[in-house]
Amino acid sequence: MSMSTSILRPVVMPPELIGHPAPCDLFNASGVLLLRAGALIVHGRRDPSQPLRFLCPAAFAARISHAHPARELSRIAATLADISERIARNAHVSASELRELARDLLEVWLLDADACLGFARLGRFARSSVRHAIHVALLALESGSASGLPSQNLTTLAGAALSMNLPRFALHDEMFDLSGAPDDAQRRGIGEHPIESARLLRRLGKDYEDWVPAVICHHENVDGSGYPGGLRGASIPLTARILRVADTLAARLSGRKARAPVYWNLNHAGDASLLTRHVFGADLARLDKSLVNQLMRALGPFPPGSLVRLSNRELAVVTRRRFGSASQPRQVVAIADTFGRPLEAPMFRATGPGLLAIRAYAQDESGRHHAHNWGRAWGYEL
């Protein structure tokens, strides 16, 4: 089976195709066949303004949609870096720029959340501060969506994540590369950055007032040990508690020069509570546990972007989650052979009973494949 016919990717069905024969097989978000090629596409929803979303073979998806999440996240990253540099120079930042960026991020996440999460973990970013902001925003969207927050609140979450460290991106980059303890100036910057970020948003205009509570409280802990206010429990806004969990998880997954990343552990993959304790460790006492558990359920034991070693010794990447199941991911794509040589094209691999098995997580091998075209693993750039 060729890569182009076996790897599925999401599309939003163009209105002009509704009422016409399907150009290819169409599947739901769980990979279950809904319509065979040639069957009539019927909207079938009470609200015809709501878009129809399907999964379809990647080769056909490219004919229906030109969307490319990896490219879009790269554009968002470049724009965010440019905004931070203008802030550092006291140059002009328009009142609408950050909100438009948050909406763009929400839109690309809604199109293909799995590809976004995978690229945030595996893709190349010029600055660690920018990667972290985007990764936190995507994890916050996962948590906020699982909490049932409406679209307006999801935009707030995305925007707060993108802006929570914005005046101090340079400090974040310093801390990422720091081997020892921070000096006095760095410690002051760490303690002051939530208030500085909130001050920046208020300077940009009243349109950002709904972001401020999440930003100013994103380092508060439910046990009262956080800053700047030492707030406890429900006195911390829900959006800030979501950001705190997402911020912690993103930091643990990426690590820094002085602290190795925390990788998913296959021995704990079948037990959600063990896996959660393994990943979050002592931080669990400081975080909203219900939100931690909710986010870990949303990501599952094989989050998109997880590198795994298969029973045939190939290196593969998990590209699609299996919602509602803790046993196996829904889609795994091989990217390197048993000798570590990159495959000419990513190849779908069926996993499960009687098929290939996942023998180990292999996230520590990501550095060897830093130049890989990750978009292809999700069915983009065929």
Protein backbone atom coordinates (compact mmCIF):
# COMPACT_ATOMS: atom_id res chain seq x y z
CA MET A 1 0.00 0.00 0.00
CA SER A 2 1.52 3.33 -1.00
CA MET A 3 2.04 6.15 1.44
CA SER A 4 -0.32 8.44 -0.48
CA THR A 5 -3.28 6.03 -0.26
CA SER A 6 -2.77 4.77 3.31
CA ILE A 7 -2.00 7.97 5.24
CA LEU A 8 -5.14 9.94 6.04
CA ARG A 9 -5.26 13.65 6.66
CA PRO A 10 -8.16 16.01 7.51
CA VAL A 11 -9.88 18.33 5.07
CA VAL A 12 -12.71 20.83 5.28
CA MET A 13 -15.04 20.01 2.40
CA PRO A 14 -15.39 23.00 0.03
CA PRO A 15 -19.05 24.10 -0.30
CA GLU A 16 -18.95 23.58 -4.08
CA LEU A 17 -18.37 19.82 -3.59
CA ILE A 18 -21.41 19.33 -1.32
CA GLY A 19 -24.21 17.70 -3.30
CA HIS A 20 -21.73 16.10 -5.69
CA PRO A 21 -20.04 12.65 -5.75
CA ALA A 22 -17.20 12.22 -3.27
CA PRO A 23 -13.84 12.43 -5.10
CA CYS A 24 -12.36 9.74 -2.81
CA ASP A 25 -13.19 7.62 0.23
CA LEU A 26 -14.08 9.83 3.21
CA PHE A 27 -13.54 8.88 6.86
CA ASN A 28 -14.53 10.31 10.25
CA ALA A 29 -12.08 11.54 12.90
CA SER A 30 -11.59 7.97 14.18
CA GLY A 31 -10.68 6.65 10.73
CA VAL A 32 -14.02 4.90 10.15
CA LEU A 33 -15.21 4.93 6.52
CA LEU A 34 -18.22 7.23 6.06
CA LEU A 35 -18.55 7.58 2.29
CA ARG A 36 -17.02 5.65 -0.55
CA ALA A 37 -15.68 7.45 -3.60
CA GLY A 38 -18.57 8.33 -5.90
CA ALA A 39 -21.23 8.47 -3.16
CA LEU A 40 -23.16 11.74 -2.91
CA ILE A 41 -21.84 14.21 -0.32
CA VAL A 42 -24.82 15.43 1.75
CA HIS A 43 -24.45 18.09 4.42
CA GLY A 44 -26.90 16.41 6.79
CA ARG A 45 -26.51 18.97 9.62
CA ARG A 46 -29.08 21.26 11.14
CA ASP A 47 -26.77 24.22 10.69
CA PRO A 48 -25.55 24.24 7.06
CA SER A 49 -23.08 27.03 7.91
CA GLN A 50 -21.00 24.54 9.91
CA PRO A 51 -18.18 23.12 7.78
CA LEU A 52 -18.02 19.41 6.95
CA ARG A 53 -14.76 17.87 8.13
CA PHE A 54 -13.46 14.52 6.92
CA LEU A 55 -10.29 12.47 6.75
CA CYS A 56 -9.27 11.31 3.30
CA PRO A 57 -6.20 9.73 1.66
CA ALA A 58 -3.40 12.27 1.58
CA ALA A 59 -3.00 12.24 -2.21
CA PHE A 60 -6.66 13.25 -2.67
CA ALA A 61 -6.59 15.69 0.27
CA ALA A 62 -3.98 17.75 -1.55
CA ARG A 63 -6.47 18.26 -4.40
CA ILE A 64 -9.19 19.44 -2.02
CA SER A 65 -7.18 21.62 0.38
CA HIS A 66 -3.85 23.46 0.19
CA ALA A 67 -3.63 23.73 3.99
CA HIS A 68 -0.25 22.86 5.51
CA PRO A 69 -0.07 22.99 9.34
CA ALA A 70 3.74 22.79 9.54
CA ARG A 71 4.14 25.76 7.21
CA GLU A 72 1.42 27.69 9.03
CA LEU A 73 3.02 27.08 12.44
CA SER A 74 6.36 28.19 10.99
CA ARG A 75 4.72 31.40 9.78
CA ILE A 76 3.10 31.98 13.19
CA ALA A 77 6.47 31.36 14.87
CA ALA A 78 8.23 33.86 12.59
CA THR A 79 5.54 36.48 13.21
CA LEU A 80 5.66 35.95 16.98
CA ALA A 81 9.47 36.28 16.96
CA ASP A 82 9.19 39.49 14.95
CA ILE A 83 6.63 40.93 17.40
CA SER A 84 8.89 40.11 20.35
CA GLU A 85 11.86 41.81 18.67
CA ARG A 86 9.80 44.93 17.99
CA ILE A 87 8.70 44.98 21.63
CA ALA A 88 12.35 44.76 22.71
CA ARG A 89 13.14 47.77 20.49
CA ASN A 90 10.05 49.70 21.63
CA ALA A 91 8.89 49.62 18.00
CA HIS A 92 5.24 49.69 16.95
CA VAL A 93 3.01 46.64 17.53
CA SER A 94 -0.54 47.09 16.28
CA ALA A 95 -3.49 46.44 18.57
CA SER A 96 -4.79 43.57 16.40
CA GLU A 97 -1.61 41.60 15.64
CA LEU A 98 -1.57 39.27 18.62
CA ARG A 99 -5.31 38.52 18.47
CA GLU A 100 -5.05 37.69 14.76
CA LEU A 101 -2.13 35.39 15.52
CA ALA A 102 -4.13 33.62 18.25
CA ARG A 103 -7.05 33.14 15.84
CA ASP A 104 -4.69 31.76 13.19
CA LEU A 105 -3.28 29.27 15.68
CA LEU A 106 -6.76 28.19 16.76
CA GLU A 107 -7.79 27.74 13.11
CA VAL A 108 -4.83 25.52 12.19
CA TRP A 109 -5.28 23.48 15.40
CA LEU A 110 -8.97 22.96 14.55
CA LEU A 111 -7.96 21.72 11.10
CA ASP A 112 -5.31 19.21 12.23
CA ALA A 113 -4.54 19.12 15.95
CA ASP A 114 -2.42 15.98 15.65
CA ALA A 115 -0.12 17.48 13.00
CA CYS A 116 0.21 20.69 15.04
CA LEU A 117 1.17 18.83 18.22
CA GLY A 118 3.61 16.64 16.33
CA PHE A 119 5.32 19.54 14.59
CA ALA A 120 5.56 21.51 17.86
CA ARG A 121 7.54 18.60 19.33
CA LEU A 122 9.64 17.62 16.32
CA GLY A 123 9.88 20.66 14.05
CA ARG A 124 12.73 23.15 13.88
CA PHE A 125 12.26 26.58 15.47
CA ALA A 126 14.82 29.37 15.49
CA ARG A 127 14.13 30.25 19.15
CA SER A 128 13.28 28.01 22.09
CA SER A 129 11.06 30.77 23.52
CA VAL A 130 8.89 30.79 20.40
CA ARG A 131 8.64 26.99 20.24
CA HIS A 132 7.65 26.90 23.91
CA ALA A 133 4.94 29.55 23.49
CA ILE A 134 3.40 27.69 20.54
CA HIS A 135 3.64 24.31 22.24
CA VAL A 136 1.98 25.68 25.40
CA ALA A 137 -0.77 27.25 23.30
CA LEU A 138 -1.51 23.95 21.54
CA LEU A 139 -1.56 21.98 24.80
CA ALA A 140 -3.82 24.64 26.34
CA LEU A 141 -6.20 24.31 23.39
CA GLU A 142 -6.33 20.55 23.98
CA SER A 143 -7.15 21.11 27.65
CA GLY A 144 -9.60 23.93 27.03
CA SER A 145 -11.44 21.93 24.39
CA ALA A 146 -11.65 18.92 26.73
CA SER A 147 -13.10 21.29 29.36
CA GLY A 148 -15.84 22.34 26.92
CA LEU A 149 -14.73 25.97 26.63
CA PRO A 150 -16.37 27.92 23.77
CA SER A 151 -14.41 29.24 20.80
CA GLN A 152 -13.95 32.72 22.30
CA ASN A 153 -12.32 31.24 25.41
CA LEU A 154 -10.09 29.03 23.27
CA THR A 155 -8.84 32.13 21.45
CA THR A 156 -8.12 33.67 24.86
CA LEU A 157 -6.14 30.58 25.89
CA ALA A 158 -4.10 30.56 22.68
CA GLY A 159 -3.42 34.29 22.90
CA ALA A 160 -2.49 34.19 26.58
CA ALA A 161 -0.01 31.37 25.90
CA LEU A 162 1.58 33.25 23.02
CA SER A 163 1.93 36.45 25.07
CA MET A 164 2.59 35.21 28.64
CA ASN A 165 6.40 35.47 28.23
CA LEU A 166 6.46 37.88 25.30
CA PRO A 167 8.40 40.80 26.86
CA ARG A 168 10.96 38.31 28.19
CA PHE A 169 11.55 35.98 25.24
CA ALA A 170 15.26 36.83 25.36
CA LEU A 171 15.38 35.77 29.03
CA HIS A 172 13.58 32.51 28.19
CA ASP A 173 16.22 31.78 25.53
CA GLU A 174 18.97 32.52 28.07
CA MET A 175 17.43 30.17 30.62
CA PHE A 176 17.08 27.42 28.01
CA ASP A 177 20.84 27.56 27.36
CA LEU A 178 21.88 28.15 30.99
CA SER A 179 23.98 25.42 32.61
CA GLY A 180 24.08 26.76 36.18
CA ALA A 181 21.82 28.74 38.48
CA PRO A 182 20.30 32.05 37.29
CA ASP A 183 21.95 35.25 38.46
CA ASP A 184 20.14 38.00 40.38
CA ALA A 185 19.02 39.86 37.24
CA GLN A 186 17.64 36.68 35.70
CA ARG A 187 15.79 35.78 38.91
CA ARG A 188 14.21 39.23 38.99
CA GLY A 189 13.16 38.88 35.36
CA ILE A 190 11.60 35.49 36.06
CA GLY A 191 9.61 36.87 38.97
CA GLU A 192 8.48 40.00 37.14
CA HIS A 193 7.53 38.60 33.73
CA PRO A 194 3.83 37.81 34.44
CA ILE A 195 3.19 41.43 35.49
CA GLU A 196 5.28 42.77 32.60
CA SER A 197 3.31 40.66 30.13
CA ALA A 198 -0.02 41.82 31.56
CA ARG A 199 1.20 45.43 31.39
CA LEU A 200 2.11 44.95 27.73
CA LEU A 201 -1.35 43.61 26.87
CA ARG A 202 -3.05 46.53 28.61
CA ARG A 203 -0.82 48.92 26.68
CA LEU A 204 -1.91 47.30 23.41
CA GLY A 205 -5.56 48.00 24.16
CA LYS A 206 -8.80 46.96 25.85
CA ASP A 207 -9.29 44.12 23.35
CA TYR A 208 -6.73 42.13 25.35
CA GLU A 209 -8.27 42.60 28.78
CA ASP A 210 -9.75 39.09 28.71
CA TRP A 211 -6.23 37.64 28.31
CA VAL A 212 -4.80 39.44 31.35
CA PRO A 213 -6.09 37.14 34.17
CA ALA A 214 -4.57 34.07 32.51
CA VAL A 215 -1.29 35.83 31.78
CA ILE A 216 -0.77 37.45 35.17
CA CYS A 217 -1.65 34.22 37.03
CA HIS A 218 0.01 31.61 34.80
CA HIS A 219 2.66 30.88 37.47
CA GLU A 220 0.22 30.62 40.38
CA ASN A 221 -0.01 27.17 42.00
CA VAL A 222 -3.10 25.61 43.57
CA ASP A 223 -1.17 25.02 46.82
CA GLY A 224 -0.33 28.74 47.13
CA SER A 225 3.36 28.33 46.31
CA GLY A 226 3.25 30.26 43.03
CA TYR A 227 3.73 33.89 42.08
CA PRO A 228 3.17 36.84 41.84
CA GLY A 229 0.12 36.68 44.16
CA GLY A 230 0.45 33.36 46.02
CA LEU A 231 -3.14 32.51 45.07
CA ARG A 232 -4.71 29.16 45.93
CA GLY A 233 -7.14 26.73 44.32
CA ALA A 234 -10.22 28.16 42.63
CA SER A 235 -9.09 31.74 43.32
CA ILE A 236 -6.78 31.19 40.34
CA PRO A 237 -8.74 31.70 37.08
CA LEU A 238 -9.49 28.50 35.15
CA THR A 239 -7.62 29.81 32.10
CA ALA A 240 -4.52 30.40 34.23
CA ARG A 241 -4.73 26.91 35.76
CA ILE A 242 -4.95 25.44 32.25
CA LEU A 243 -1.92 27.48 31.15
CA ARG A 244 0.03 26.39 34.23
CA VAL A 245 -0.49 22.71 33.40
CA ALA A 246 0.30 23.22 29.72
CA ASP A 247 3.38 25.31 30.55
CA THR A 248 4.70 22.63 32.90
CA LEU A 249 4.14 19.79 30.44
CA ALA A 250 5.73 21.66 27.52
CA ALA A 251 8.79 22.47 29.66
CA ARG A 252 9.15 18.85 30.75
CA LEU A 253 8.88 17.52 27.20
CA SER A 254 11.48 19.90 25.80
CA GLY A 255 13.93 20.10 28.71
CA ARG A 256 16.81 22.57 28.56
CA LYS A 257 20.61 22.49 28.63
CA ALA A 258 20.76 21.85 32.36
CA ARG A 259 17.75 19.50 32.51
CA ALA A 260 17.02 16.54 30.25
CA PRO A 261 13.51 16.16 28.82
CA VAL A 262 11.09 13.78 30.53
CA TYR A 263 10.03 11.16 28.03
CA TRP A 264 6.90 9.05 28.04
CA ASN A 265 7.66 5.63 29.58
CA LEU A 266 6.31 2.53 27.80
CA ASN A 267 6.17 0.60 31.08
CA HIS A 268 3.62 3.15 32.34
CA ALA A 269 1.70 3.57 29.07
CA GLY A 270 -1.09 1.21 30.08
CA ASP A 271 -1.75 2.96 33.41
CA ALA A 272 -2.77 6.62 33.11
CA SER A 273 -2.04 7.46 36.75
CA LEU A 274 1.44 5.92 36.64
CA LEU A 275 2.23 7.74 33.41
CA THR A 276 1.00 11.04 34.85
CA ARG A 277 3.16 10.67 37.97
CA HIS A 278 6.14 9.72 35.81
CA VAL A 279 5.77 12.82 33.61
CA PHE A 280 4.82 15.47 36.19
CA GLY A 281 6.56 14.17 39.30
CA ALA A 282 6.52 16.53 42.30
CA ASP A 283 4.77 19.23 40.25
CA LEU A 284 1.49 17.33 40.65
CA ALA A 285 1.06 18.77 44.16
CA ARG A 286 1.19 22.31 42.73
CA LEU A 287 -1.13 21.83 39.74
CA ASP A 288 -4.86 21.38 39.25
CA LYS A 289 -4.94 17.55 39.15
CA SER A 290 -8.26 17.38 37.33
CA LEU A 291 -6.80 19.47 34.50
CA VAL A 292 -3.60 17.40 34.48
CA ASN A 293 -5.61 14.18 34.14
CA GLN A 294 -7.85 15.73 31.52
CA LEU A 295 -4.90 16.80 29.37
CA MET A 296 -3.17 13.44 29.72
CA ARG A 297 -6.39 11.68 28.65
CA ALA A 298 -6.65 13.98 25.63
CA LEU A 299 -3.05 13.25 24.58
CA GLY A 300 -3.21 9.55 25.36
CA PRO A 301 -0.26 7.23 25.93
CA PHE A 302 1.00 7.86 22.39
CA PRO A 303 0.75 11.63 21.76
CA PRO A 304 1.23 12.82 18.18
CA GLY A 305 4.91 13.38 17.50
CA SER A 306 6.01 10.45 19.68
CA LEU A 307 8.96 8.62 18.14
CA VAL A 308 8.70 4.86 18.70
CA ARG A 309 10.72 1.75 17.91
CA LEU A 310 8.63 -0.96 16.22
CA SER A 311 9.00 -4.72 16.57
CA ASN A 312 10.59 -4.84 13.09
CA ARG A 313 13.20 -2.36 14.50
CA GLU A 314 12.09 0.53 12.29
CA LEU A 315 11.90 4.03 13.75
CA ALA A 316 8.39 5.43 13.44
CA VAL A 317 6.40 8.48 14.46
CA VAL A 318 2.90 8.42 15.92
CA THR A 319 0.82 10.70 13.71
CA ARG A 320 -2.77 10.08 14.85
CA ARG A 321 -4.22 9.42 18.29
CA ARG A 322 -6.89 6.80 18.89
CA PHE A 323 -9.48 8.72 20.90
CA GLY A 324 -11.07 6.81 23.75
CA SER A 325 -8.50 4.01 23.75
CA ALA A 326 -5.31 3.58 25.77
CA SER A 327 -3.93 0.58 23.89
CA GLN A 328 -2.54 1.68 20.52
CA PRO A 329 -2.28 4.85 18.45
CA ARG A 330 -4.47 4.96 15.34
CA GLN A 331 -1.76 5.81 12.82
CA VAL A 332 1.97 5.13 12.94
CA VAL A 333 4.35 6.03 10.10
CA ALA A 334 7.84 4.57 9.67
CA ILE A 335 10.55 7.15 8.87
CA ALA A 336 13.82 5.16 9.20
CA ASP A 337 14.85 1.57 8.55
CA THR A 338 16.39 -0.87 11.00
CA PHE A 339 19.84 0.67 10.45
CA GLY A 340 18.62 4.22 11.12
CA ARG A 341 18.67 5.25 7.47
CA PRO A 342 15.83 7.62 6.52
CA LEU A 343 13.20 6.00 4.30
CA GLU A 344 12.68 7.56 0.89
CA ALA A 345 9.07 8.28 1.88
CA PRO A 346 7.21 7.83 5.18
CA MET A 347 5.35 4.50 5.18
CA PHE A 348 2.15 3.64 7.04
CA ARG A 349 2.60 0.76 9.48
CA ALA A 350 -0.36 -1.15 10.93
CA THR A 351 0.05 -1.89 14.63
CA GLY A 352 -1.98 -4.04 16.97
CA PRO A 353 -2.64 -7.72 17.81
CA GLY A 354 -1.09 -9.95 15.16
CA LEU A 355 0.55 -6.94 13.53
CA LEU A 356 3.59 -4.81 14.31
CA ALA A 357 4.04 -3.84 17.94
CA ILE A 358 5.51 -0.74 19.56
CA ARG A 359 8.50 -1.94 21.56
CA ALA A 360 9.79 1.35 23.00
CA TYR A 361 9.54 5.10 22.91
CA ALA A 362 12.46 6.64 21.02
CA GLN A 363 12.09 10.39 21.55
CA ASP A 364 15.77 10.65 22.44
CA GLU A 365 16.55 9.90 18.78
CA SER A 366 14.82 13.06 17.54
CA GLY A 367 18.13 14.93 17.33
CA ARG A 368 19.36 12.56 14.63
CA HIS A 369 16.40 13.43 12.43
CA HIS A 370 16.22 17.18 13.01
CA ALA A 371 16.22 17.87 9.25
CA HIS A 372 13.36 15.46 8.50
CA ASN A 373 10.44 16.88 6.53
CA TRP A 374 7.88 16.16 9.23
CA GLY A 375 4.96 17.44 7.20
CA ARG A 376 5.20 14.36 4.98
CA ALA A 377 4.56 12.03 7.92
CA TRP A 378 1.12 13.62 8.34
CA GLY A 379 0.37 13.45 4.60
CA TYR A 380 1.46 16.94 3.61
CA GLU A 381 3.94 17.69 0.81
CA LEU A 382 3.47 14.42 -1.08
